[in-house]
Amino acid sequence: MSDTGSVSRISKASRDFLHWGMLWLLLAVVAAGLFFQEGIAELLKAWQLPEYSHGPLIPVLSGLLFLRQLKTVPVNDGHVHDRWPGVLVLIVAVLMGAAGKLIEIPDIVAYALILWVGAILLISFGWTTGKHFWPPVLHLVYMLPLPGALYYGLSTYLQGVSSELGVYFLQLLRVPVYLEGNIIDLGVYKLQVAEACSGLRYLFPILSFSYIFAVLYQGPMWHKALLLISAAPITVFMNSVRIAIAGWIVNNYGLEHVEGFSHFFEGWVIFISCVLILFAFAWVLVKLRRDKVGLIEALDLETEGLGTQAKRIGLVRPSSALILTTVIVGMLAIGWQAMPKRDAVVVEREPFLLFPTTVGDWSAIQHGRLDSSIENALRADDYLMASLVKPGTPLTVDIFLAWYKDQTQGGVHSPEVCLPGAGWEIAKLEQIETTDRAGDPFTLNRAIIQKGVQRNLVYYWYEQQGVRTASMYSAKLHLMMGKLRNGRNDSAIVRLITPIGVDEEPADAEARLQDSMYALLGRLPRFVPGI
C-alpha cells in the first residue's frame, strides 16, 4: 500500500484498535463459535483422519489469502452503506446451520460456518469491498470433510484408476501381473489397493495447494483453470507410481520389504513430488506465454505489507447490521443450549439372528460373519448374509441386509462401491420401478455384474423408515425428513444376487430374483421397521 494517506489511516486504526467495532466483531465470533459448535467439533474430528490432516492449515492459508486480497482494495475508514447483502447471506448460514443441528448432521453445520465467514466479511466491509474476498472464503471448503456418499464413490473410482495405472507401469517393468478389481495379483503375492491407497490422502492437500497456486498465478484464466484441475491427475499418477514400485519390490524382494517403503513413500515424498510436478506444469504454461515472463514473475509471491493489512481490522466500526446479526446469532446459540434435548428414539425390531429359516417357498441358510476389516468399513449395527434355496431351482439367491441405528454417522455403502472393490465389473446398472406384494410401487437398482465368464444379476435398494428407493440421495432426504418428523435416524440397505447360469437367459435369473424378492419383502418389516 503505497498511498501515504491510507497507511496513515491504517496506523491510526491500529493505535485505536480497541473500540466498539472490534468489541462487536469479537462478540460475533464468540456467538458463531457457540452456534456452530457441532460443525467445529466435526471439523476437529475429521482433521484427525489422514485424508484431512491438512485441515488445520486451511484457515491459516485462507487468512493469508485474505490479507493479500485486502491489499488490492482501497482503504475506507468512513461510513459503509452496503452491509445488508451480508445480512442476507448470514441468515442463510444460520438457517442452514439450524437445519444441520436439528437433524443432527454436523457436516451441514460445518458447511454453514463457511457461509457465516463470507457473511461477516460482507457485513464488516460492505458489499462493494467484501465481494472481492470470495477466493479466501472459497478456499475454506478444502478444510471440510466430504459427504460420505461422495467420499466412497470418489475413493472407489480413484482406487480403480490407481490400480489400472499401477498394473500398466508394472507391465512396463516386465513384471508379470494380473488385475482383479483392486487386487494386484503377482502370482505368489497379492496386493490390495485399499482406501488408503486411493490417493485421497494426497489429493485433498494437493487440491488446496493447487487452488492457492491458481489464485497467485498472474496469467490467463484458462491457465489458472488448468493449474487448478491438474491436481487430481497429478496425484493419481504419483499414487500409481507408488503402487507400481511397491509391486516391483514385492515381486523381486518379497512382501516383507514393502512395508517400510510404503511408510516412507506415502507421506511427504508423494506430496513434494506432486508439488514439483505442479511447478513444472506451471513453468510449461509460462513458456507458452507471449510476454516471456519467468515463473517467479508469474507467481505473485509478494508478502510485504501483510502486517499492515492486518491492522485494517481496526477500521471496522459498529453498525446496526453487525450488532443485529451478533445479537440474533448469540440469542439462538443460548436458546439452543437451553432447549431440552429430545431423547433418542428406540426402534423396536428383531435382530437378524432371528431371521426365519423359511421365506415363502425358499429356505434361508445363514452364513458366518464378515472379515473384521470389512465389518469396520461397513459399520452396520446389525447385518445378515444368507442364501435362499428353493426346491427345483438349481441356482441360489444370496441376500445381504445391513441395518444402521444412526445413519447420520455414516454407513450404508453403495454396492457400486463395494462390488468393484471385490473384483466385480458392473456391466449394466439401471433404476427400475417395481411393486411390493401389496402393489405399492418403489424403485430399485438392477445391475449385471461380471468377473471373467461369471455373471450375476443384482437387485438393491435403500430402506428408509417405510420408504424404499433406489437413490442414495433420496434416502438421505427421507432420513432428514424422518429425523424432523419422529426423531428416527435408522436406515437399511437390501441386496439380492443370483448367478446367471451359463445356459440360461437373463430373464430366467430375473424371475428367480423377483420371486425371492417378493418372499423377502413379506418378512422384512420385522427386522427393518417402517413408519
Protein backbone atom coordinates (compact mmCIF):
# COMPACT_ATOMS: atom_id res chain seq x y z
CA MET A 1 0.00 0.00 0.00
CA SER A 2 1.95 2.97 -1.29
CA ASP A 3 -0.65 5.65 -0.59
CA THR A 4 0.65 7.67 2.38
CA GLY A 5 -2.83 8.71 3.48
CA SER A 6 -4.04 5.13 3.53
CA VAL A 7 -1.07 4.00 5.59
CA SER A 8 -1.68 6.87 8.00
CA ARG A 9 -5.32 5.89 8.44
CA ILE A 10 -4.37 2.26 8.98
CA SER A 11 -1.77 3.28 11.56
CA LYS A 12 -4.33 5.38 13.37
CA ALA A 13 -6.74 2.44 13.33
CA SER A 14 -4.09 0.19 14.83
CA ARG A 15 -3.49 2.65 17.66
CA ASP A 16 -7.23 2.82 18.22
CA PHE A 17 -7.58 -0.94 17.92
CA LEU A 18 -9.82 -1.49 20.94
CA HIS A 19 -13.12 0.19 20.17
CA TRP A 20 -16.81 -0.70 19.92
CA GLY A 21 -16.48 -2.08 16.39
CA MET A 22 -13.80 -4.53 17.47
CA LEU A 23 -15.85 -5.48 20.53
CA TRP A 24 -18.91 -6.32 18.43
CA LEU A 25 -16.78 -8.21 15.91
CA LEU A 26 -15.28 -10.26 18.74
CA LEU A 27 -18.76 -10.92 20.15
CA ALA A 28 -19.91 -12.02 16.67
CA VAL A 29 -17.07 -14.56 16.53
CA VAL A 30 -17.88 -15.89 20.01
CA ALA A 31 -21.60 -16.15 19.18
CA ALA A 32 -20.82 -18.00 15.95
CA GLY A 33 -18.46 -20.36 17.82
CA LEU A 34 -21.29 -21.27 20.19
CA PHE A 35 -23.93 -21.62 17.48
CA PHE A 36 -21.80 -23.62 15.03
CA GLN A 37 -20.03 -25.67 17.71
CA GLU A 38 -21.25 -29.02 16.32
CA GLY A 39 -19.69 -28.17 12.97
CA ILE A 40 -16.44 -27.07 14.60
CA ALA A 41 -16.34 -30.31 16.61
CA GLU A 42 -16.90 -32.30 13.41
CA LEU A 43 -14.00 -30.47 11.75
CA LEU A 44 -11.69 -31.24 14.67
CA LYS A 45 -12.74 -34.88 14.47
CA ALA A 46 -12.23 -35.07 10.69
CA TRP A 47 -8.81 -33.44 10.93
CA GLN A 48 -7.58 -36.44 12.91
CA LEU A 49 -8.02 -38.63 9.80
CA PRO A 50 -5.07 -38.93 7.39
CA GLU A 51 -7.18 -37.65 4.47
CA TYR A 52 -7.98 -34.39 6.27
CA SER A 53 -4.90 -33.96 8.46
CA HIS A 54 -4.05 -30.85 6.42
CA GLY A 55 -7.29 -29.23 7.67
CA PRO A 56 -5.80 -27.01 10.41
CA LEU A 57 -3.59 -25.29 7.82
CA ILE A 58 -6.52 -24.27 5.62
CA PRO A 59 -7.86 -21.42 7.84
CA VAL A 60 -4.31 -20.10 8.22
CA LEU A 61 -3.71 -20.11 4.47
CA SER A 62 -7.15 -18.60 3.85
CA GLY A 63 -6.24 -15.83 6.31
CA LEU A 64 -3.05 -15.08 4.37
CA LEU A 65 -5.01 -15.07 1.10
CA PHE A 66 -7.46 -12.64 2.68
CA LEU A 67 -4.68 -10.25 3.70
CA ARG A 68 -3.23 -10.43 0.18
CA GLN A 69 -6.67 -9.74 -1.30
CA LEU A 70 -7.11 -6.84 1.12
CA LYS A 71 -4.10 -5.13 -0.44
CA THR A 72 -5.99 -4.84 -3.73
CA VAL A 73 -8.96 -2.85 -2.36
CA PRO A 74 -8.83 0.77 -1.17
CA VAL A 75 -8.95 1.75 2.47
CA ASN A 76 -12.32 3.01 3.66
CA ASP A 77 -12.42 4.45 7.17
CA GLY A 78 -15.72 6.19 6.55
CA HIS A 79 -19.31 5.03 6.52
CA VAL A 80 -20.15 1.72 4.83
CA HIS A 81 -23.55 1.79 3.10
CA ASP A 82 -23.95 -1.69 1.60
CA ARG A 83 -23.84 -4.11 4.55
CA TRP A 84 -27.26 -5.73 4.09
CA PRO A 85 -26.30 -8.28 1.40
CA GLY A 86 -24.07 -9.75 4.08
CA VAL A 87 -27.06 -9.92 6.44
CA LEU A 88 -28.97 -11.97 3.87
CA VAL A 89 -26.03 -14.37 3.48
CA LEU A 90 -25.78 -14.65 7.26
CA ILE A 91 -29.48 -15.51 7.52
CA VAL A 92 -28.95 -18.33 5.00
CA ALA A 93 -25.93 -19.54 7.00
CA VAL A 94 -27.92 -19.55 10.25
CA LEU A 95 -30.88 -21.38 8.67
CA MET A 96 -28.53 -23.96 7.17
CA GLY A 97 -26.72 -24.40 10.48
CA ALA A 98 -30.01 -24.70 12.36
CA ALA A 99 -31.17 -27.40 9.94
CA GLY A 100 -27.95 -29.34 10.49
CA LYS A 101 -28.27 -29.02 14.27
CA LEU A 102 -31.93 -30.05 14.19
CA ILE A 103 -31.38 -33.24 12.20
CA GLU A 104 -28.04 -33.87 13.96
CA ILE A 105 -25.84 -33.90 10.86
CA PRO A 106 -22.81 -31.84 11.94
CA ASP A 107 -21.32 -31.78 8.43
CA ILE A 108 -24.13 -29.42 7.39
CA VAL A 109 -23.30 -27.16 10.35
CA ALA A 110 -19.66 -27.09 9.22
CA TYR A 111 -20.67 -26.12 5.69
CA ALA A 112 -22.87 -23.33 7.09
CA LEU A 113 -19.88 -21.99 9.04
CA ILE A 114 -18.13 -21.07 5.79
CA LEU A 115 -21.19 -19.10 4.68
CA TRP A 116 -21.05 -17.25 8.00
CA VAL A 117 -17.40 -16.30 7.36
CA GLY A 118 -18.34 -14.83 3.99
CA ALA A 119 -21.31 -13.05 5.53
CA ILE A 120 -19.32 -11.43 8.34
CA LEU A 121 -16.80 -10.09 5.80
CA LEU A 122 -19.61 -8.57 3.74
CA ILE A 123 -21.14 -7.05 6.88
CA SER A 124 -17.82 -5.66 8.11
CA PHE A 125 -16.54 -4.26 4.81
CA GLY A 126 -19.75 -3.86 2.81
CA TRP A 127 -20.68 -5.48 -0.49
CA THR A 128 -18.52 -3.20 -2.67
CA THR A 129 -15.33 -4.22 -0.86
CA GLY A 130 -16.33 -7.58 0.62
CA LYS A 131 -17.29 -9.19 -2.70
CA HIS A 132 -13.59 -9.26 -3.62
CA PHE A 133 -12.84 -11.63 -0.76
CA TRP A 134 -14.50 -14.73 -2.26
CA PRO A 135 -11.18 -16.52 -3.09
CA PRO A 136 -10.04 -16.92 0.57
CA VAL A 137 -13.59 -17.77 1.68
CA LEU A 138 -13.98 -20.42 -1.02
CA HIS A 139 -10.59 -21.87 -0.06
CA LEU A 140 -12.10 -22.81 3.32
CA VAL A 141 -14.06 -25.53 1.51
CA TYR A 142 -10.86 -27.60 1.46
CA MET A 143 -10.95 -27.98 5.25
CA LEU A 144 -14.35 -29.72 5.13
CA PRO A 145 -14.86 -33.49 5.12
CA LEU A 146 -16.59 -34.78 2.01
CA PRO A 147 -20.10 -36.23 2.36
CA GLY A 148 -19.87 -39.98 2.91
CA ALA A 149 -21.53 -40.98 -0.36
CA LEU A 150 -19.24 -38.70 -2.38
CA TYR A 151 -16.15 -39.79 -0.44
CA TYR A 152 -16.68 -43.51 -1.00
CA GLY A 153 -17.66 -43.02 -4.63
CA LEU A 154 -14.57 -40.90 -5.31
CA SER A 155 -12.38 -43.26 -3.31
CA THR A 156 -13.56 -46.29 -5.30
CA TYR A 157 -13.04 -44.51 -8.61
CA LEU A 158 -9.51 -43.44 -7.66
CA GLN A 159 -8.71 -46.95 -6.42
CA GLY A 160 -9.71 -48.32 -9.81
CA VAL A 161 -7.68 -45.75 -11.75
CA SER A 162 -4.64 -46.18 -9.49
CA SER A 163 -4.86 -49.98 -9.81
CA GLU A 164 -5.04 -49.93 -13.61
CA LEU A 165 -2.21 -47.42 -13.97
CA GLY A 166 -0.10 -49.24 -11.39
CA VAL A 167 -0.52 -52.53 -13.29
CA TYR A 168 0.34 -50.76 -16.56
CA PHE A 169 3.59 -49.44 -15.05
CA LEU A 170 4.40 -52.91 -13.67
CA GLN A 171 3.94 -54.39 -17.14
CA LEU A 172 6.34 -51.77 -18.49
CA LEU A 173 8.83 -53.04 -15.87
CA ARG A 174 8.36 -56.60 -17.20
CA VAL A 175 6.66 -57.75 -14.02
CA PRO A 176 4.05 -60.49 -14.65
CA VAL A 177 0.85 -59.17 -13.09
CA TYR A 178 -2.92 -59.60 -13.27
CA LEU A 179 -5.55 -57.15 -12.03
CA GLU A 180 -8.80 -58.40 -10.48
CA GLY A 181 -10.85 -55.46 -9.24
CA ASN A 182 -8.49 -53.62 -6.87
CA ILE A 183 -6.36 -56.69 -6.20
CA ILE A 184 -3.00 -56.81 -7.99
CA ASP A 185 -2.06 -60.48 -8.45
CA LEU A 186 1.71 -61.01 -8.73
CA GLY A 187 1.42 -64.78 -8.69
CA VAL A 188 2.97 -65.65 -5.34
CA TYR A 189 1.79 -62.43 -3.69
CA LYS A 190 -1.32 -60.31 -3.95
CA LEU A 191 -1.55 -56.59 -3.22
CA GLN A 192 -4.88 -54.92 -2.45
CA VAL A 193 -5.31 -51.26 -3.37
CA ALA A 194 -7.31 -50.27 -0.31
CA GLU A 195 -8.91 -46.93 0.54
CA ALA A 196 -5.63 -45.70 1.99
CA CYS A 197 -4.07 -46.33 -1.43
CA SER A 198 -6.72 -44.49 -3.39
CA GLY A 199 -4.74 -41.27 -3.34
CA LEU A 200 -7.28 -39.29 -1.34
CA ARG A 201 -4.89 -38.52 1.48
CA TYR A 202 -2.67 -36.77 -1.06
CA LEU A 203 -5.45 -35.39 -3.25
CA PHE A 204 -7.09 -33.13 -0.67
CA PRO A 205 -3.96 -31.20 0.37
CA ILE A 206 -2.74 -31.05 -3.25
CA LEU A 207 -6.12 -29.63 -4.32
CA SER A 208 -5.77 -26.95 -1.66
CA PHE A 209 -2.23 -26.18 -2.80
CA SER A 210 -3.26 -26.01 -6.48
CA TYR A 211 -6.10 -23.63 -5.56
CA ILE A 212 -3.66 -21.23 -3.89
CA PHE A 213 -1.28 -21.74 -6.81
CA ALA A 214 -4.04 -20.76 -9.27
CA VAL A 215 -5.01 -17.70 -7.21
CA LEU A 216 -1.42 -16.46 -7.05
CA TYR A 217 -0.70 -17.15 -10.72
CA GLN A 218 -0.75 -13.96 -12.79
CA GLY A 219 -1.89 -15.04 -16.20
CA PRO A 220 -4.82 -16.06 -18.42
CA MET A 221 -7.85 -17.53 -16.72
CA TRP A 222 -7.53 -20.78 -18.66
CA HIS A 223 -4.02 -21.18 -17.24
CA LYS A 224 -5.47 -20.81 -13.75
CA ALA A 225 -8.16 -23.38 -14.54
CA LEU A 226 -5.60 -25.90 -15.82
CA LEU A 227 -3.44 -25.44 -12.72
CA LEU A 228 -6.47 -25.96 -10.51
CA ILE A 229 -7.75 -29.15 -12.14
CA SER A 230 -4.28 -30.63 -12.70
CA ALA A 231 -4.04 -31.61 -9.03
CA ALA A 232 -6.24 -34.69 -9.45
CA PRO A 233 -4.40 -36.35 -12.38
CA ILE A 234 -1.01 -35.48 -10.89
CA THR A 235 -1.93 -37.09 -7.56
CA VAL A 236 -3.40 -40.22 -9.17
CA PHE A 237 -0.30 -40.55 -11.38
CA MET A 238 2.09 -40.35 -8.43
CA ASN A 239 -0.02 -42.78 -6.43
CA SER A 240 0.08 -45.22 -9.34
CA VAL A 241 3.87 -44.87 -9.47
CA ARG A 242 3.99 -45.69 -5.75
CA ILE A 243 1.83 -48.78 -6.28
CA ALA A 244 3.99 -49.90 -9.20
CA ILE A 245 7.21 -49.50 -7.21
CA ALA A 246 5.66 -51.40 -4.28
CA GLY A 247 4.65 -54.21 -6.66
CA TRP A 248 8.14 -54.33 -8.14
CA ILE A 249 9.69 -54.58 -4.67
CA VAL A 250 7.30 -57.37 -3.68
CA ASN A 251 7.97 -59.27 -6.91
CA ASN A 252 11.75 -59.04 -6.55
CA TYR A 253 12.38 -58.98 -2.79
CA GLY A 254 9.25 -60.24 -1.06
CA LEU A 255 6.30 -58.82 0.81
CA GLU A 256 8.23 -58.00 3.99
CA HIS A 257 10.29 -55.32 2.22
CA VAL A 258 7.35 -53.25 1.05
CA GLU A 259 6.03 -52.07 4.43
CA GLY A 260 8.92 -49.79 5.23
CA PHE A 261 8.92 -48.45 1.69
CA SER A 262 5.19 -47.65 1.88
CA HIS A 263 5.54 -45.75 5.14
CA PHE A 264 8.46 -43.77 3.73
CA PHE A 265 6.94 -43.10 0.33
CA GLU A 266 3.29 -42.45 1.11
CA GLY A 267 3.73 -39.20 3.04
CA TRP A 268 5.85 -36.18 2.25
CA VAL A 269 7.60 -37.82 -0.70
CA ILE A 270 4.33 -38.08 -2.62
CA PHE A 271 3.25 -34.58 -1.60
CA ILE A 272 6.56 -32.93 -2.53
CA SER A 273 6.67 -34.85 -5.82
CA CYS A 274 3.18 -33.64 -6.69
CA VAL A 275 4.13 -30.06 -5.84
CA LEU A 276 7.26 -30.26 -8.01
CA ILE A 277 5.20 -31.61 -10.93
CA LEU A 278 2.72 -28.77 -10.43
CA PHE A 279 5.57 -26.24 -10.58
CA ALA A 280 6.89 -27.93 -13.71
CA PHE A 281 3.46 -27.71 -15.32
CA ALA A 282 3.25 -24.01 -14.41
CA TRP A 283 6.71 -23.50 -15.96
CA VAL A 284 5.46 -25.08 -19.20
CA LEU A 285 2.43 -22.76 -19.23
CA VAL A 286 4.67 -19.74 -18.64
CA LYS A 287 6.89 -20.76 -21.58
CA LEU A 288 3.81 -20.78 -23.82
CA ARG A 289 3.01 -17.15 -22.97
CA ARG A 290 3.93 -14.34 -25.36
CA ASP A 291 5.04 -11.87 -22.69
CA LYS A 292 8.07 -14.06 -21.87
CA VAL A 293 7.88 -13.63 -18.11
CA GLY A 294 9.59 -16.04 -15.76
CA LEU A 295 7.85 -18.42 -13.38
CA ILE A 296 8.75 -16.29 -10.36
CA GLU A 297 7.31 -13.18 -12.03
CA ALA A 298 4.16 -15.11 -12.99
CA LEU A 299 3.54 -16.07 -9.38
CA ASP A 300 2.54 -13.19 -7.15
CA LEU A 301 4.58 -14.19 -4.09
CA GLU A 302 4.78 -10.68 -2.64
CA THR A 303 4.28 -10.84 1.14
CA GLU A 304 5.37 -7.35 2.11
CA GLY A 305 2.76 -5.30 3.93
CA LEU A 306 0.60 -8.15 5.17
CA GLY A 307 1.10 -6.98 8.75
CA THR A 308 -0.08 -3.52 7.76
CA GLN A 309 -3.17 -5.01 6.12
CA ALA A 310 -3.94 -7.00 9.28
CA LYS A 311 -4.22 -3.67 11.12
CA ARG A 312 -7.08 -2.66 8.85
CA ILE A 313 -9.38 -4.72 11.02
CA GLY A 314 -9.18 -1.74 13.34
CA LEU A 315 -11.21 0.22 10.77
CA VAL A 316 -14.28 -1.96 11.36
CA ARG A 317 -16.91 0.16 13.08
CA PRO A 318 -20.09 -0.86 14.87
CA SER A 319 -23.14 -0.91 12.63
CA SER A 320 -26.77 -1.84 13.01
CA ALA A 321 -26.17 -4.84 10.71
CA LEU A 322 -23.23 -6.12 12.78
CA ILE A 323 -24.97 -5.56 16.11
CA LEU A 324 -28.27 -7.07 14.96
CA THR A 325 -26.73 -10.24 13.49
CA THR A 326 -24.47 -10.71 16.51
CA VAL A 327 -27.41 -10.45 18.89
CA ILE A 328 -29.52 -12.83 16.79
CA VAL A 329 -26.81 -15.48 16.49
CA GLY A 330 -25.95 -15.11 20.19
CA MET A 331 -29.58 -15.48 21.27
CA LEU A 332 -30.03 -18.53 19.02
CA ALA A 333 -26.88 -20.11 20.45
CA ILE A 334 -28.00 -19.52 24.05
CA GLY A 335 -31.56 -20.61 23.29
CA TRP A 336 -30.35 -23.79 21.61
CA GLN A 337 -28.28 -24.68 24.65
CA ALA A 338 -31.32 -24.14 26.89
CA MET A 339 -33.63 -26.29 24.77
CA PRO A 340 -34.41 -29.69 26.26
CA LYS A 341 -32.69 -32.44 24.34
CA ARG A 342 -35.01 -34.90 22.68
CA ASP A 343 -34.36 -38.46 23.79
CA ALA A 344 -33.07 -40.83 21.15
CA VAL A 345 -35.87 -42.84 19.58
CA VAL A 346 -35.57 -46.55 20.33
CA VAL A 347 -36.67 -48.52 17.29
CA GLU A 348 -38.37 -51.81 18.11
CA ARG A 349 -37.08 -54.51 15.81
CA GLU A 350 -35.94 -58.11 15.86
CA PRO A 351 -32.25 -58.84 15.28
CA PHE A 352 -31.23 -60.61 12.10
CA LEU A 353 -30.12 -63.52 14.27
CA LEU A 354 -33.80 -64.46 14.47
CA PHE A 355 -34.28 -64.36 10.70
CA PRO A 356 -36.54 -67.33 9.80
CA THR A 357 -35.23 -70.41 8.06
CA THR A 358 -38.20 -70.36 5.68
CA VAL A 359 -39.05 -67.36 3.47
CA GLY A 360 -42.09 -68.21 1.38
CA ASP A 361 -41.13 -71.21 -0.75
CA TRP A 362 -37.46 -70.54 -0.10
CA SER A 363 -35.20 -71.91 2.64
CA ALA A 364 -32.76 -69.43 4.21
CA ILE A 365 -29.28 -70.63 5.17
CA GLN A 366 -27.37 -68.04 7.19
CA HIS A 367 -23.66 -67.58 6.61
CA GLY A 368 -20.92 -66.56 9.02
CA ARG A 369 -19.58 -63.11 9.78
CA LEU A 370 -17.67 -60.78 7.53
CA ASP A 371 -13.96 -60.20 7.90
CA SER A 372 -13.23 -57.73 10.71
CA SER A 373 -11.73 -55.16 8.32
CA ILE A 374 -14.87 -55.27 6.17
CA GLU A 375 -17.06 -55.03 9.27
CA ASN A 376 -15.17 -51.92 10.37
CA ALA A 377 -15.70 -50.31 6.97
CA LEU A 378 -19.37 -51.34 6.86
CA ARG A 379 -20.09 -50.02 10.39
CA ALA A 380 -23.53 -51.65 10.44
CA ASP A 381 -25.26 -52.21 13.79
CA ASP A 382 -26.73 -55.48 12.51
CA TYR A 383 -26.39 -57.38 9.27
CA LEU A 384 -27.36 -60.68 7.66
CA MET A 385 -25.73 -62.80 4.99
CA ALA A 386 -27.77 -65.77 3.82
CA SER A 387 -28.54 -67.94 0.80
CA LEU A 388 -32.08 -68.65 -0.33
CA VAL A 389 -32.62 -72.13 -1.72
CA LYS A 390 -35.80 -73.36 -3.41
CA PRO A 391 -36.62 -76.96 -4.33
CA GLY A 392 -36.47 -77.46 -8.07
CA THR A 393 -34.36 -74.31 -8.52
CA PRO A 394 -30.69 -75.25 -9.11
CA LEU A 395 -29.28 -71.77 -8.51
CA THR A 396 -29.49 -69.86 -5.22
CA VAL A 397 -30.17 -66.24 -4.34
CA ASP A 398 -27.74 -64.60 -1.92
CA ILE A 399 -29.17 -61.86 0.28
CA PHE A 400 -27.37 -59.22 2.28
CA LEU A 401 -29.19 -56.95 4.72
CA ALA A 402 -27.49 -54.20 6.74
CA TRP A 403 -29.27 -52.08 9.35
CA TYR A 404 -27.99 -48.86 10.91
CA LYS A 405 -29.33 -47.49 14.17
CA ASP A 406 -27.98 -44.00 13.42
CA GLN A 407 -27.27 -43.47 9.76
CA THR A 408 -26.40 -39.78 10.27
CA GLN A 409 -22.99 -41.01 11.43
CA GLY A 410 -22.26 -42.65 8.06
CA GLY A 411 -22.54 -46.13 6.70
CA VAL A 412 -24.82 -47.63 4.05
CA HIS A 413 -22.08 -48.08 1.47
CA SER A 414 -23.47 -48.45 -2.02
CA PRO A 415 -22.81 -51.75 -3.84
CA GLU A 416 -21.48 -49.52 -6.61
CA VAL A 417 -18.56 -49.00 -4.22
CA CYS A 418 -18.21 -52.48 -2.72
CA LEU A 419 -18.66 -54.73 -5.77
CA PRO A 420 -15.86 -53.27 -7.95
CA GLY A 421 -13.56 -53.40 -4.93
CA ALA A 422 -14.21 -57.16 -4.76
CA GLY A 423 -13.24 -57.62 -8.39
CA TRP A 424 -16.68 -57.40 -10.00
CA GLU A 425 -17.20 -55.26 -13.08
CA ILE A 426 -20.58 -53.53 -13.35
CA ALA A 427 -21.59 -54.29 -16.93
CA LYS A 428 -25.01 -52.65 -16.65
CA LEU A 429 -26.72 -50.55 -13.99
CA GLU A 430 -30.18 -49.02 -14.14
CA GLN A 431 -33.01 -47.93 -11.88
CA ILE A 432 -36.28 -49.74 -12.44
CA GLU A 433 -39.77 -49.42 -10.99
CA THR A 434 -41.48 -52.39 -9.38
CA THR A 435 -44.12 -53.08 -6.76
CA ASP A 436 -44.24 -54.89 -3.47
CA ARG A 437 -46.71 -57.68 -2.63
CA ALA A 438 -49.40 -55.13 -1.79
CA GLY A 439 -48.99 -53.45 -5.17
CA ASP A 440 -47.29 -50.33 -3.80
CA PRO A 441 -44.63 -49.01 -6.24
CA PHE A 442 -40.99 -48.41 -5.41
CA THR A 443 -37.69 -48.13 -7.26
CA LEU A 444 -34.65 -50.38 -7.06
CA ASN A 445 -31.26 -50.68 -8.73
CA ARG A 446 -30.82 -53.51 -11.20
CA ALA A 447 -27.26 -54.42 -12.14
CA ILE A 448 -25.48 -57.09 -14.14
CA ILE A 449 -22.00 -57.72 -12.77
CA GLN A 450 -19.32 -59.95 -14.18
CA LYS A 451 -15.98 -61.42 -13.25
CA GLY A 452 -14.36 -63.30 -16.09
CA VAL A 453 -17.07 -65.50 -17.61
CA GLN A 454 -19.19 -65.43 -14.45
CA ARG A 455 -22.22 -63.14 -14.50
CA ASN A 456 -24.63 -62.23 -11.70
CA LEU A 457 -27.89 -60.31 -11.58
CA VAL A 458 -28.20 -57.88 -8.66
CA TYR A 459 -31.11 -56.03 -7.06
CA TYR A 460 -30.50 -53.50 -4.30
CA TRP A 461 -32.33 -50.62 -2.72
CA TYR A 462 -32.39 -48.48 0.44
CA GLU A 463 -34.99 -48.91 3.20
CA GLN A 464 -35.67 -45.55 4.84
CA GLN A 465 -38.33 -45.95 7.54
CA GLY A 466 -41.00 -47.38 5.25
CA VAL A 467 -39.73 -45.73 2.05
CA ARG A 468 -37.97 -47.95 -0.48
CA THR A 469 -35.82 -46.13 -3.02
CA ALA A 470 -33.02 -46.83 -5.48
CA SER A 471 -31.39 -43.45 -4.90
CA MET A 472 -28.94 -42.95 -2.05
CA TYR A 473 -29.60 -39.22 -2.18
CA SER A 474 -33.35 -39.74 -1.96
CA ALA A 475 -32.70 -41.99 1.05
CA LYS A 476 -30.65 -39.19 2.65
CA LEU A 477 -33.50 -36.75 2.08
CA HIS A 478 -36.01 -39.15 3.67
CA LEU A 479 -33.57 -39.62 6.55
CA MET A 480 -33.62 -35.88 7.24
CA MET A 481 -37.40 -35.72 6.92
CA GLY A 482 -37.76 -38.69 9.28
CA LYS A 483 -35.49 -37.01 11.79
CA LEU A 484 -37.68 -33.90 11.72
CA ARG A 485 -40.90 -35.92 11.84
CA ASN A 486 -40.21 -38.50 14.54
CA GLY A 487 -36.55 -38.24 15.57
CA ARG A 488 -35.52 -41.53 13.95
CA ASN A 489 -32.10 -41.96 12.35
CA ASP A 490 -32.27 -45.63 11.34
CA SER A 491 -31.77 -46.88 7.79
CA ALA A 492 -31.04 -50.11 5.95
CA ILE A 493 -29.85 -51.48 2.63
CA VAL A 494 -31.13 -54.65 0.93
CA ARG A 495 -29.17 -56.54 -1.72
CA LEU A 496 -30.05 -59.73 -3.62
CA ILE A 497 -27.68 -61.51 -6.03
CA THR A 498 -28.23 -64.58 -8.19
CA PRO A 499 -25.95 -66.12 -10.83
CA ILE A 500 -26.89 -66.03 -14.48
CA GLY A 501 -26.33 -69.64 -15.50
CA VAL A 502 -24.19 -70.48 -18.49
CA ASP A 503 -27.14 -71.97 -20.36
CA GLU A 504 -29.90 -69.65 -19.11
CA GLU A 505 -31.26 -66.34 -20.24
CA PRO A 506 -31.14 -63.24 -18.01
CA ALA A 507 -34.96 -63.40 -17.92
CA ASP A 508 -34.73 -66.69 -16.03
CA ALA A 509 -32.44 -65.15 -13.42
CA GLU A 510 -34.79 -62.14 -13.29
CA ALA A 511 -37.78 -64.36 -12.50
CA ARG A 512 -35.82 -66.16 -9.77
CA LEU A 513 -34.69 -62.86 -8.24
CA GLN A 514 -38.19 -61.37 -8.30
CA ASP A 515 -39.74 -64.45 -6.74
CA SER A 516 -37.25 -64.39 -3.86
CA MET A 517 -37.62 -60.61 -3.51
CA TYR A 518 -41.39 -60.83 -3.03
CA ALA A 519 -40.92 -63.58 -0.46
CA LEU A 520 -38.29 -61.49 1.38
CA LEU A 521 -40.45 -58.35 1.44
CA GLY A 522 -43.06 -60.21 3.50
CA ARG A 523 -40.51 -60.90 6.25
CA LEU A 524 -38.59 -57.64 6.12
CA PRO A 525 -40.71 -55.35 8.39
CA ARG A 526 -39.87 -57.47 11.47
CA PHE A 527 -36.19 -56.60 11.06
CA VAL A 528 -36.33 -53.27 9.21
CA PRO A 529 -39.24 -51.30 10.72
CA GLY A 530 -41.23 -48.88 8.59
CA ILE A 531 -43.03 -45.81 9.82
